Amino acid sequence: HLSQFFPDMAIIIHDYSVSIDEQGQLPQQSYELKQLYKYLKDDIECDDITLFGESAGGHVVLYLLLLLQEENISLPKKVVVVSPWCNPLAYSLEGAGVAHYGVFDSLKHDHLNVFGVLLQVSKNYKDMIPINLEVDFQETPWREILKQTRMYISYGTHEILHDQIVRFSDRLKMASDNSTNLIIFRDLHGAH
């Protein structure tokens, strides 16, 4: 029980929209999380926020960092992303750079196709930050983010999203100027 070790900590789980109608299309989920984040920062006056996201939730958290940076909103102190889906709009074998470990991974190519249909990009977001974080990597905002936020990325060597996570992590390393704010954990033989 975390409450024994962190008695003043609250855990808030964001149940974000996922649907094929425009209410649940990308990047709606990150905008929803931004509203919650601003509420915690501004209304509750919470300064020590750690964001956590896994898989598509990892993308939501990473995209939120770019939104906050672009809008000059103070960033969270820490971010943890596990097996983040860096390129949700590139989910084919050719476009996503997905690893060929589907036999070992609980997330299969068919699942990526289903999520790819669900996570369409809404036409309501004009001139937005690119959705594919690795393919459309922009060094400058990530450099600024890593100056303010400690980031922990974890992924498995045998997971379907391995290749895109490695490329994204490598680009973050180059942008971070060897910052101690970036920690990357590679789980040998780990899967999604």
Protein backbone atom coordinates (compact mmCIF):
# COMPACT_ATOMS: atom_id res chain seq x y z
CA HIS A 1 0.00 0.00 0.00
CA LEU A 2 1.55 3.23 -1.15
CA SER A 3 -0.26 5.20 1.55
CA GLN A 4 2.08 3.67 4.15
CA PHE A 5 5.14 5.09 2.42
CA PHE A 6 3.61 8.28 1.01
CA PRO A 7 0.84 9.38 3.39
CA ASP A 8 0.35 12.76 1.69
CA MET A 9 0.19 11.38 -1.83
CA ALA A 10 -2.99 11.22 -3.87
CA ILE A 11 -3.31 9.06 -6.97
CA ILE A 12 -5.63 10.33 -9.66
CA ILE A 13 -6.49 8.11 -12.61
CA HIS A 14 -7.54 9.92 -15.75
CA ASP A 15 -10.14 7.97 -17.73
CA TYR A 16 -9.64 9.54 -21.14
CA SER A 17 -11.90 9.33 -24.18
CA VAL A 18 -11.35 6.64 -26.80
CA SER A 19 -13.91 6.29 -29.56
CA ILE A 20 -14.23 6.56 -33.31
CA ASP A 21 -16.37 9.70 -33.09
CA GLU A 22 -14.68 13.09 -32.94
CA GLN A 23 -15.06 13.25 -29.15
CA GLY A 24 -12.43 10.54 -28.71
CA GLN A 25 -10.01 11.23 -31.53
CA LEU A 26 -6.39 12.26 -31.05
CA PRO A 27 -5.19 14.48 -29.48
CA GLN A 28 -8.39 14.95 -27.43
CA GLN A 29 -7.00 12.72 -24.68
CA SER A 30 -4.03 15.00 -24.05
CA TYR A 31 -6.27 18.08 -24.00
CA GLU A 32 -8.46 16.35 -21.41
CA LEU A 33 -5.39 15.56 -19.33
CA LYS A 34 -4.24 19.17 -19.71
CA GLN A 35 -7.51 20.35 -18.14
CA LEU A 36 -7.02 17.96 -15.22
CA TYR A 37 -3.37 18.97 -14.86
CA LYS A 38 -4.25 22.70 -14.83
CA TYR A 39 -6.97 22.02 -12.25
CA LEU A 40 -4.45 20.28 -10.00
CA LYS A 41 -1.85 23.04 -10.49
CA ASP A 42 -4.12 26.10 -10.35
CA ASP A 43 -7.16 25.17 -8.27
CA ILE A 44 -5.72 22.57 -5.89
CA GLU A 45 -2.29 24.28 -5.94
CA CYS A 46 -0.41 21.03 -6.22
CA ASP A 47 3.21 21.61 -7.23
CA ASP A 48 4.64 18.12 -6.95
CA ILE A 49 2.96 16.23 -9.80
CA THR A 50 4.24 13.03 -11.40
CA LEU A 51 2.48 11.87 -14.56
CA PHE A 52 2.40 8.19 -15.51
CA GLY A 53 1.27 6.60 -18.76
CA GLU A 54 1.58 3.17 -20.32
CA SER A 55 1.30 2.36 -24.05
CA ALA A 56 -1.27 4.76 -25.59
CA GLY A 57 -1.40 6.47 -22.19
CA GLY A 58 2.34 7.04 -22.53
CA HIS A 59 1.64 8.90 -25.75
CA VAL A 60 -1.05 10.96 -24.01
CA VAL A 61 1.43 12.00 -21.30
CA LEU A 62 4.29 12.76 -23.73
CA TYR A 63 2.00 14.76 -26.00
CA LEU A 64 0.75 16.67 -22.96
CA LEU A 65 4.34 17.74 -22.22
CA LEU A 66 4.55 19.27 -25.69
CA LEU A 67 1.21 21.06 -25.20
CA LEU A 68 2.30 22.46 -21.84
CA GLN A 69 5.65 23.55 -23.24
CA GLU A 70 4.02 25.25 -26.23
CA GLU A 71 1.56 27.12 -24.00
CA ASN A 72 4.20 28.08 -21.39
CA ILE A 73 2.42 26.18 -18.63
CA SER A 74 4.69 24.95 -15.85
CA LEU A 75 5.70 21.34 -16.39
CA PRO A 76 5.37 18.43 -13.97
CA LYS A 77 8.41 17.54 -11.92
CA LYS A 78 8.43 13.93 -13.10
CA VAL A 79 7.04 11.77 -15.89
CA VAL A 80 7.05 7.99 -16.13
CA VAL A 81 6.14 6.32 -19.42
CA VAL A 82 6.14 2.56 -19.89
CA SER A 83 6.17 1.17 -23.43
CA PRO A 84 4.92 4.46 -24.88
CA TRP A 85 3.26 4.30 -28.27
CA CYS A 86 5.33 7.03 -29.92
CA ASN A 87 3.78 6.83 -33.41
CA PRO A 88 0.05 6.05 -33.14
CA LEU A 89 -0.56 7.09 -36.73
CA ALA A 90 2.13 4.75 -38.02
CA TYR A 91 0.95 1.35 -36.91
CA SER A 92 1.73 -0.87 -39.87
CA LEU A 93 4.84 -3.02 -39.93
CA GLU A 94 6.39 -0.76 -42.56
CA GLY A 95 5.43 2.60 -41.07
CA ALA A 96 5.70 2.05 -37.35
CA GLY A 97 9.05 0.34 -37.12
CA VAL A 98 7.40 -2.19 -34.86
CA ALA A 99 9.61 -5.02 -33.74
CA HIS A 100 9.00 -8.54 -34.97
CA TYR A 101 8.51 -9.99 -31.51
CA GLY A 102 4.72 -10.31 -31.73
CA VAL A 103 4.94 -13.94 -30.66
CA PHE A 104 6.24 -12.86 -27.23
CA ASP A 105 4.29 -9.63 -26.84
CA SER A 106 0.76 -9.35 -25.47
CA LEU A 107 0.18 -6.48 -27.89
CA LYS A 108 -0.14 -7.87 -31.43
CA HIS A 109 -0.13 -6.25 -34.87
CA ASP A 110 -3.90 -6.80 -35.11
CA HIS A 111 -4.34 -4.85 -31.87
CA LEU A 112 -2.31 -1.96 -33.28
CA ASN A 113 -4.60 -1.87 -36.29
CA VAL A 114 -7.69 -1.72 -34.05
CA PHE A 115 -6.19 1.05 -31.93
CA GLY A 116 -5.10 2.85 -35.09
CA VAL A 117 -8.73 2.97 -36.19
CA LEU A 118 -9.89 4.15 -32.76
CA LEU A 119 -7.17 6.76 -32.41
CA GLN A 120 -7.88 8.79 -35.52
CA VAL A 121 -6.76 12.41 -35.55
CA SER A 122 -9.59 14.86 -35.16
CA LYS A 123 -10.00 17.45 -37.88
CA ASN A 124 -10.89 19.94 -35.12
CA TYR A 125 -7.24 20.44 -34.22
CA LYS A 126 -5.70 22.70 -36.82
CA ASP A 127 -2.01 23.58 -36.75
CA MET A 128 -1.42 21.18 -33.93
CA ILE A 129 1.74 19.57 -32.68
CA PRO A 130 2.49 16.47 -34.81
CA ILE A 131 0.93 13.30 -33.35
CA ASN A 132 3.79 10.94 -34.21
CA LEU A 133 6.33 11.90 -31.57
CA GLU A 134 9.21 9.84 -32.93
CA VAL A 135 8.66 10.24 -36.67
CA ASP A 136 8.08 14.01 -36.35
CA PHE A 137 10.54 14.56 -33.48
CA GLN A 138 11.28 18.21 -32.73
CA GLU A 139 14.44 18.67 -30.70
CA THR A 140 13.94 22.18 -29.28
CA PRO A 141 10.77 21.61 -27.23
CA TRP A 142 12.10 18.32 -25.85
CA ARG A 143 15.36 19.99 -24.82
CA GLU A 144 13.36 22.58 -22.87
CA ILE A 145 11.08 19.92 -21.35
CA LEU A 146 14.05 17.89 -20.14
CA LYS A 147 15.50 20.96 -18.41
CA GLN A 148 12.40 21.08 -16.18
CA THR A 149 11.03 17.55 -15.99
CA ARG A 150 12.66 14.33 -14.92
CA MET A 151 11.61 11.61 -17.37
CA TYR A 152 11.77 7.85 -16.94
CA ILE A 153 11.11 5.68 -20.00
CA SER A 154 10.83 1.91 -19.70
CA TYR A 155 10.42 -0.58 -22.52
CA GLY A 156 11.12 -4.21 -23.32
CA THR A 157 13.52 -5.53 -25.92
CA HIS A 158 10.88 -7.99 -27.17
CA GLU A 159 7.90 -5.71 -27.49
CA ILE A 160 6.11 -4.75 -30.63
CA LEU A 161 6.81 -1.01 -30.20
CA HIS A 162 10.50 -1.54 -29.44
CA ASP A 163 11.96 0.09 -32.56
CA GLN A 164 10.01 3.34 -32.36
CA ILE A 165 10.65 3.65 -28.60
CA VAL A 166 14.39 3.17 -29.15
CA ARG A 167 14.49 5.82 -31.90
CA PHE A 168 12.45 8.24 -29.77
CA SER A 169 14.68 7.60 -26.73
CA ASP A 170 17.83 8.10 -28.81
CA ARG A 171 16.51 11.44 -30.06
CA LEU A 172 15.64 12.47 -26.52
CA LYS A 173 19.19 11.59 -25.42
CA MET A 174 20.63 13.83 -28.14
CA ALA A 175 18.23 16.65 -27.23
CA SER A 176 18.93 16.34 -23.49
CA ASP A 177 22.64 17.19 -23.68
CA ASN A 178 23.34 14.25 -21.34
CA SER A 179 20.90 15.56 -18.77
CA THR A 180 20.41 13.52 -15.63
CA ASN A 181 16.69 14.23 -16.09
CA LEU A 182 16.39 11.44 -18.66
CA ILE A 183 16.44 7.84 -17.45
CA ILE A 184 15.85 5.04 -19.94
CA PHE A 185 15.37 1.49 -18.75
CA ARG A 186 15.60 -1.31 -21.29
CA ASP A 187 14.10 -4.54 -19.95
CA LEU A 188 16.01 -7.41 -21.56
CA HIS A 189 13.45 -9.82 -23.07
CA GLY A 190 10.62 -7.65 -21.72
CA ALA A 191 7.37 -7.31 -23.66
CA HIS A 192 4.50 -4.87 -23.79
